């Protein structure tokens, strides 16, 4: 089995708590109000964070989503057919949802599970909340890694030559991808459970961590930018923008 921790080294070096606050606040403000300044500000923050951590695949994915929904928005604005209103709604909400997906994907890809768990422990959150979150951060990257390994094995054997074959051959997809992935998923779950027991996550006392976390000047800059963003959001809600 491949290494389950696929989080890349974060070049922004932000505290995981700062990342969580950024993702939550930007996501809530973006989805709460339909205002151009709020959407643009959220987009700039999200793209800056992705580029700063050099997550180029995520940048390409986010840019592709934004381009598709921007095209739908343009069709809704420039045309006068009966479908223009539908295209306008799809484009407007699609762009905002793309921003939310991108910033949460940045949080997932740039944060190590150990650092996340240590940050949540600093918040004194109950373990019934922190342990499932930390487990999720280890489980889903491992499943994606196994899916990529299965895909590479099928390509080497000439079973599938392009991703379109997954859609054109659903029975073969279920046989060659879903069934092996289910078996690997059970093994991953067992390994994560054994790892959690070995690390003493179920112990009555709070565990210590070797991961160094803390608020630095980078986090203060991030909170300053977030304060400006919230100010833009409040001004848009009151109709000043």
Protein backbone atom coordinates (compact mmCIF):
# COMPACT_ATOMS: atom_id res chain seq x y z
CA UNK A 1 0.00 0.00 0.00
CA UNK A 2 1.29 3.46 -0.81
CA UNK A 3 1.89 6.17 1.70
CA UNK A 4 -1.45 7.49 2.95
CA UNK A 5 -0.33 10.95 3.91
CA UNK A 6 -0.48 12.87 0.65
CA UNK A 7 -0.44 16.34 2.12
CA UNK A 8 2.26 18.42 0.49
CA UNK A 9 4.71 20.48 2.52
CA UNK A 10 2.94 23.80 3.06
CA UNK A 11 5.07 26.69 1.89
CA UNK A 12 2.75 29.23 3.49
CA UNK A 13 3.59 27.67 6.88
CA UNK A 14 0.28 28.74 8.31
CA UNK A 15 -1.00 27.27 11.53
CA UNK A 16 -3.70 24.64 10.85
CA UNK A 17 -6.14 26.63 12.97
CA UNK A 18 -5.58 29.63 10.74
CA UNK A 19 -6.25 27.48 7.68
CA UNK A 20 -9.49 26.20 9.16
CA UNK A 21 -10.65 29.74 10.00
CA UNK A 22 -9.75 30.91 6.49
CA UNK A 23 -11.64 28.07 4.81
CA UNK A 24 -14.72 28.42 7.01
CA UNK A 25 -15.00 32.21 6.88
CA UNK A 26 -14.29 32.52 3.16
CA UNK A 27 -16.72 29.71 2.39
CA UNK A 28 -19.55 31.10 4.50
CA UNK A 29 -19.15 34.65 3.23
CA UNK A 30 -18.93 33.51 -0.38
CA UNK A 31 -22.08 31.41 -0.29
CA UNK A 32 -24.09 33.85 1.85
CA UNK A 33 -24.28 36.83 -0.49
CA UNK A 34 -24.33 37.30 -4.26
CA UNK A 35 -22.04 40.29 -4.62
CA UNK A 36 -19.28 40.72 -7.18
CA UNK A 37 -16.71 42.27 -4.77
CA UNK A 38 -17.15 39.40 -2.29
CA UNK A 39 -16.78 36.75 -4.99
CA UNK A 40 -13.69 38.40 -6.48
CA UNK A 41 -12.08 38.86 -3.07
CA UNK A 42 -12.70 35.23 -2.15
CA UNK A 43 -11.31 34.12 -5.50
CA UNK A 44 -8.15 36.19 -5.07
CA UNK A 45 -7.55 34.80 -1.56
CA UNK A 46 -8.12 31.22 -2.70
CA UNK A 47 -5.88 31.45 -5.75
CA UNK A 48 -3.13 33.14 -3.74
CA UNK A 49 -3.15 30.36 -1.15
CA UNK A 50 -3.07 27.64 -3.81
CA UNK A 51 -0.23 29.31 -5.73
CA UNK A 52 1.73 30.04 -2.54
CA UNK A 53 1.69 26.32 -1.67
CA UNK A 54 2.48 25.41 -5.30
CA UNK A 55 -0.47 23.08 -5.69
CA UNK A 56 -0.44 23.24 -9.47
CA UNK A 57 -2.84 20.34 -10.07
CA UNK A 58 -5.37 21.92 -7.76
CA UNK A 59 -4.86 25.25 -9.51
CA UNK A 60 -5.54 23.63 -12.88
CA UNK A 61 -8.64 21.90 -11.52
CA UNK A 62 -9.99 25.10 -9.96
CA UNK A 63 -9.26 27.10 -13.11
CA UNK A 64 -11.10 24.53 -15.22
CA UNK A 65 -14.17 24.66 -12.98
CA UNK A 66 -14.16 28.44 -12.92
CA UNK A 67 -13.80 28.61 -16.71
CA UNK A 68 -16.80 26.33 -17.24
CA UNK A 69 -19.07 28.26 -14.89
CA UNK A 70 -17.77 31.62 -16.13
CA UNK A 71 -18.77 30.54 -19.64
CA UNK A 72 -22.23 29.64 -18.38
CA UNK A 73 -22.47 33.02 -16.63
CA UNK A 74 -21.42 34.82 -19.80
CA UNK A 75 -24.04 32.94 -21.80
CA UNK A 76 -26.69 33.94 -19.28
CA UNK A 77 -25.70 37.60 -19.41
CA UNK A 78 -25.21 37.95 -23.17
CA UNK A 79 -28.16 35.91 -24.42
CA UNK A 80 -31.89 36.57 -24.15
CA UNK A 81 -33.30 33.08 -24.64
CA UNK A 82 -35.48 31.26 -22.11
CA UNK A 83 -32.38 29.37 -20.93
CA UNK A 84 -30.45 32.52 -20.10
CA UNK A 85 -31.84 32.72 -16.56
CA UNK A 86 -30.91 29.09 -15.90
CA UNK A 87 -27.41 29.63 -17.27
CA UNK A 88 -27.07 32.76 -15.16
CA UNK A 89 -28.00 30.92 -11.96
CA UNK A 90 -25.76 27.96 -12.78
CA UNK A 91 -22.83 30.25 -13.57
CA UNK A 92 -23.25 32.45 -10.51
CA UNK A 93 -23.62 29.66 -7.97
CA UNK A 94 -21.16 27.42 -9.79
CA UNK A 95 -18.39 30.00 -9.49
CA UNK A 96 -19.00 30.46 -5.79
CA UNK A 97 -19.17 26.72 -5.14
CA UNK A 98 -15.95 26.27 -7.11
CA UNK A 99 -14.22 28.74 -4.81
CA UNK A 100 -15.48 26.87 -1.74
CA UNK A 101 -14.36 23.52 -3.14
CA UNK A 102 -10.95 24.93 -4.05
CA UNK A 103 -10.19 26.49 -0.67
CA UNK A 104 -11.30 23.36 1.20
CA UNK A 105 -9.21 21.21 -1.13
CA UNK A 106 -6.27 23.51 -0.36
CA UNK A 107 -6.89 22.95 3.35
CA UNK A 108 -6.92 19.18 2.85
CA UNK A 109 -3.87 19.02 0.59
CA UNK A 110 -1.65 21.43 2.51
CA UNK A 111 -2.31 20.17 6.06
CA UNK A 112 -0.75 17.06 7.55
CA UNK A 113 -3.09 14.95 9.70
CA UNK A 114 -0.74 15.10 12.68
CA UNK A 115 -0.61 18.90 12.52
CA UNK A 116 -4.39 19.09 12.19
CA UNK A 117 -4.94 16.85 15.20
CA UNK A 118 -2.45 18.86 17.28
CA UNK A 119 -4.21 22.10 16.31
CA UNK A 120 -7.64 20.73 17.21
CA UNK A 121 -6.25 19.54 20.54
CA UNK A 122 -5.08 23.11 21.21
CA UNK A 123 -8.69 24.23 20.79
CA UNK A 124 -9.70 21.77 23.53
CA UNK A 125 -12.33 20.21 21.31
CA UNK A 126 -13.85 16.88 22.39
CA UNK A 127 -12.17 13.77 21.07
CA UNK A 128 -15.44 12.54 19.63
CA UNK A 129 -14.96 15.37 17.13
CA UNK A 130 -11.18 15.56 16.63
CA UNK A 131 -10.45 11.85 16.11
CA UNK A 132 -12.99 11.35 13.25
CA UNK A 133 -11.67 14.49 11.54
CA UNK A 134 -8.06 13.30 11.80
CA UNK A 135 -9.09 9.84 10.59
CA UNK A 136 -10.88 11.33 7.60
CA UNK A 137 -7.75 13.29 6.66
CA UNK A 138 -5.83 10.00 6.57
CA UNK A 139 -8.52 7.80 5.04
CA UNK A 140 -9.54 9.70 1.91
CA UNK A 141 -5.99 10.46 0.67
CA UNK A 142 -5.18 6.77 1.11
CA UNK A 143 -8.23 5.75 -0.92
CA UNK A 144 -7.30 8.18 -3.70
CA UNK A 145 -3.77 6.84 -3.69
CA UNK A 146 -5.07 3.27 -4.03
CA UNK A 147 -7.39 4.33 -6.87
CA UNK A 148 -4.45 5.85 -8.74
CA UNK A 149 -2.43 2.67 -8.20
CA UNK A 150 -5.27 0.53 -9.58
CA UNK A 151 -5.62 2.88 -12.56
CA UNK A 152 -1.88 2.64 -13.31
CA UNK A 153 -2.02 -1.15 -13.10
CA UNK A 154 -4.94 -1.29 -15.54
CA UNK A 155 -3.16 1.01 -17.98
CA UNK A 156 -0.05 -1.18 -17.87
CA UNK A 157 -2.19 -4.20 -18.73
CA UNK A 158 -3.98 -2.34 -21.52
CA UNK A 159 -7.43 -2.64 -19.96
CA UNK A 160 -8.17 1.09 -20.05
CA UNK A 161 -6.37 3.64 -22.17
CA UNK A 162 -8.27 6.79 -21.22
CA UNK A 163 -10.60 7.98 -18.43
CA UNK A 164 -13.52 7.90 -20.88
CA UNK A 165 -13.42 4.08 -20.81
CA UNK A 166 -14.66 4.23 -17.22
CA UNK A 167 -17.88 5.86 -18.42
CA UNK A 168 -18.27 3.81 -21.58
CA UNK A 169 -17.75 0.46 -19.82
CA UNK A 170 -19.53 0.60 -16.45
CA UNK A 171 -19.46 -3.17 -15.91
CA UNK A 172 -15.71 -3.38 -16.48
CA UNK A 173 -15.25 -0.34 -14.25
CA UNK A 174 -17.13 -2.06 -11.44
CA UNK A 175 -15.11 -5.25 -11.93
CA UNK A 176 -11.62 -3.79 -12.30
CA UNK A 177 -11.85 -0.64 -10.15
CA UNK A 178 -14.70 -0.71 -7.64
CA UNK A 179 -14.23 -4.27 -6.38
CA UNK A 180 -10.45 -3.99 -5.77
CA UNK A 181 -10.94 -0.55 -4.28
CA UNK A 182 -13.49 -1.88 -1.79
CA UNK A 183 -11.02 -4.53 -0.65
CA UNK A 184 -8.26 -1.95 -0.31
CA UNK A 185 -10.63 0.34 1.60
CA UNK A 186 -11.25 -2.32 4.22
CA UNK A 187 -7.52 -2.87 4.60
CA UNK A 188 -6.90 0.88 4.88
CA UNK A 189 -9.56 1.17 7.59
CA UNK A 190 -7.98 -1.67 9.56
CA UNK A 191 -4.52 -0.12 9.26
CA UNK A 192 -5.75 3.29 10.39
CA UNK A 193 -7.57 1.74 13.35
CA UNK A 194 -4.44 -0.15 14.38
CA UNK A 195 -2.37 3.01 13.99
CA UNK A 196 -4.81 4.97 16.16
CA UNK A 197 -4.67 2.36 18.91
CA UNK A 198 -0.85 2.27 18.74
CA UNK A 199 -0.67 6.04 19.10
CA UNK A 200 -2.97 5.99 22.08
CA UNK A 201 -5.76 8.12 20.63
CA UNK A 202 -8.27 6.32 22.83
CA UNK A 203 -6.34 7.01 26.03
CA UNK A 204 -8.13 9.07 28.72
CA UNK A 205 -5.39 11.71 28.79
CA UNK A 206 -4.68 14.09 25.95
CA UNK A 207 -1.72 12.99 23.87
CA UNK A 208 1.28 15.19 23.18
CA UNK A 209 2.55 15.91 19.68
CA UNK A 210 5.98 16.37 18.15
CA UNK A 211 4.52 18.68 15.51
CA UNK A 212 5.38 22.30 16.18
CA UNK A 213 2.45 24.62 15.67
CA UNK A 214 1.85 28.18 16.72
CA UNK A 215 0.78 31.62 15.60
CA UNK A 216 3.48 33.47 13.66
CA UNK A 217 3.65 36.70 11.68
CA UNK A 218 2.32 34.80 8.65
CA UNK A 219 -0.83 33.92 10.56
CA UNK A 220 -1.22 37.53 11.68
CA UNK A 221 -0.99 38.64 8.05
CA UNK A 222 -3.59 36.04 7.11
CA UNK A 223 -5.95 37.29 9.83
CA UNK A 224 -5.42 40.87 8.65
CA UNK A 225 -6.38 39.89 5.09
CA UNK A 226 -9.35 37.95 6.44
CA UNK A 227 -10.47 41.02 8.43
CA UNK A 228 -10.42 43.10 5.25
CA UNK A 229 -12.41 40.39 3.47
CA UNK A 230 -15.03 40.31 6.23
CA UNK A 231 -15.23 44.11 6.00
CA UNK A 232 -15.92 43.84 2.27
CA UNK A 233 -18.58 41.23 3.02
CA UNK A 234 -20.31 43.41 5.62
CA UNK A 235 -20.20 46.43 3.32
CA UNK A 236 -21.76 44.36 0.53
CA UNK A 237 -24.50 43.10 2.85
CA UNK A 238 -25.37 46.67 3.89
CA UNK A 239 -25.47 47.77 0.27
CA UNK A 240 -22.38 50.00 0.40
CA UNK A 241 -20.77 48.03 -2.45
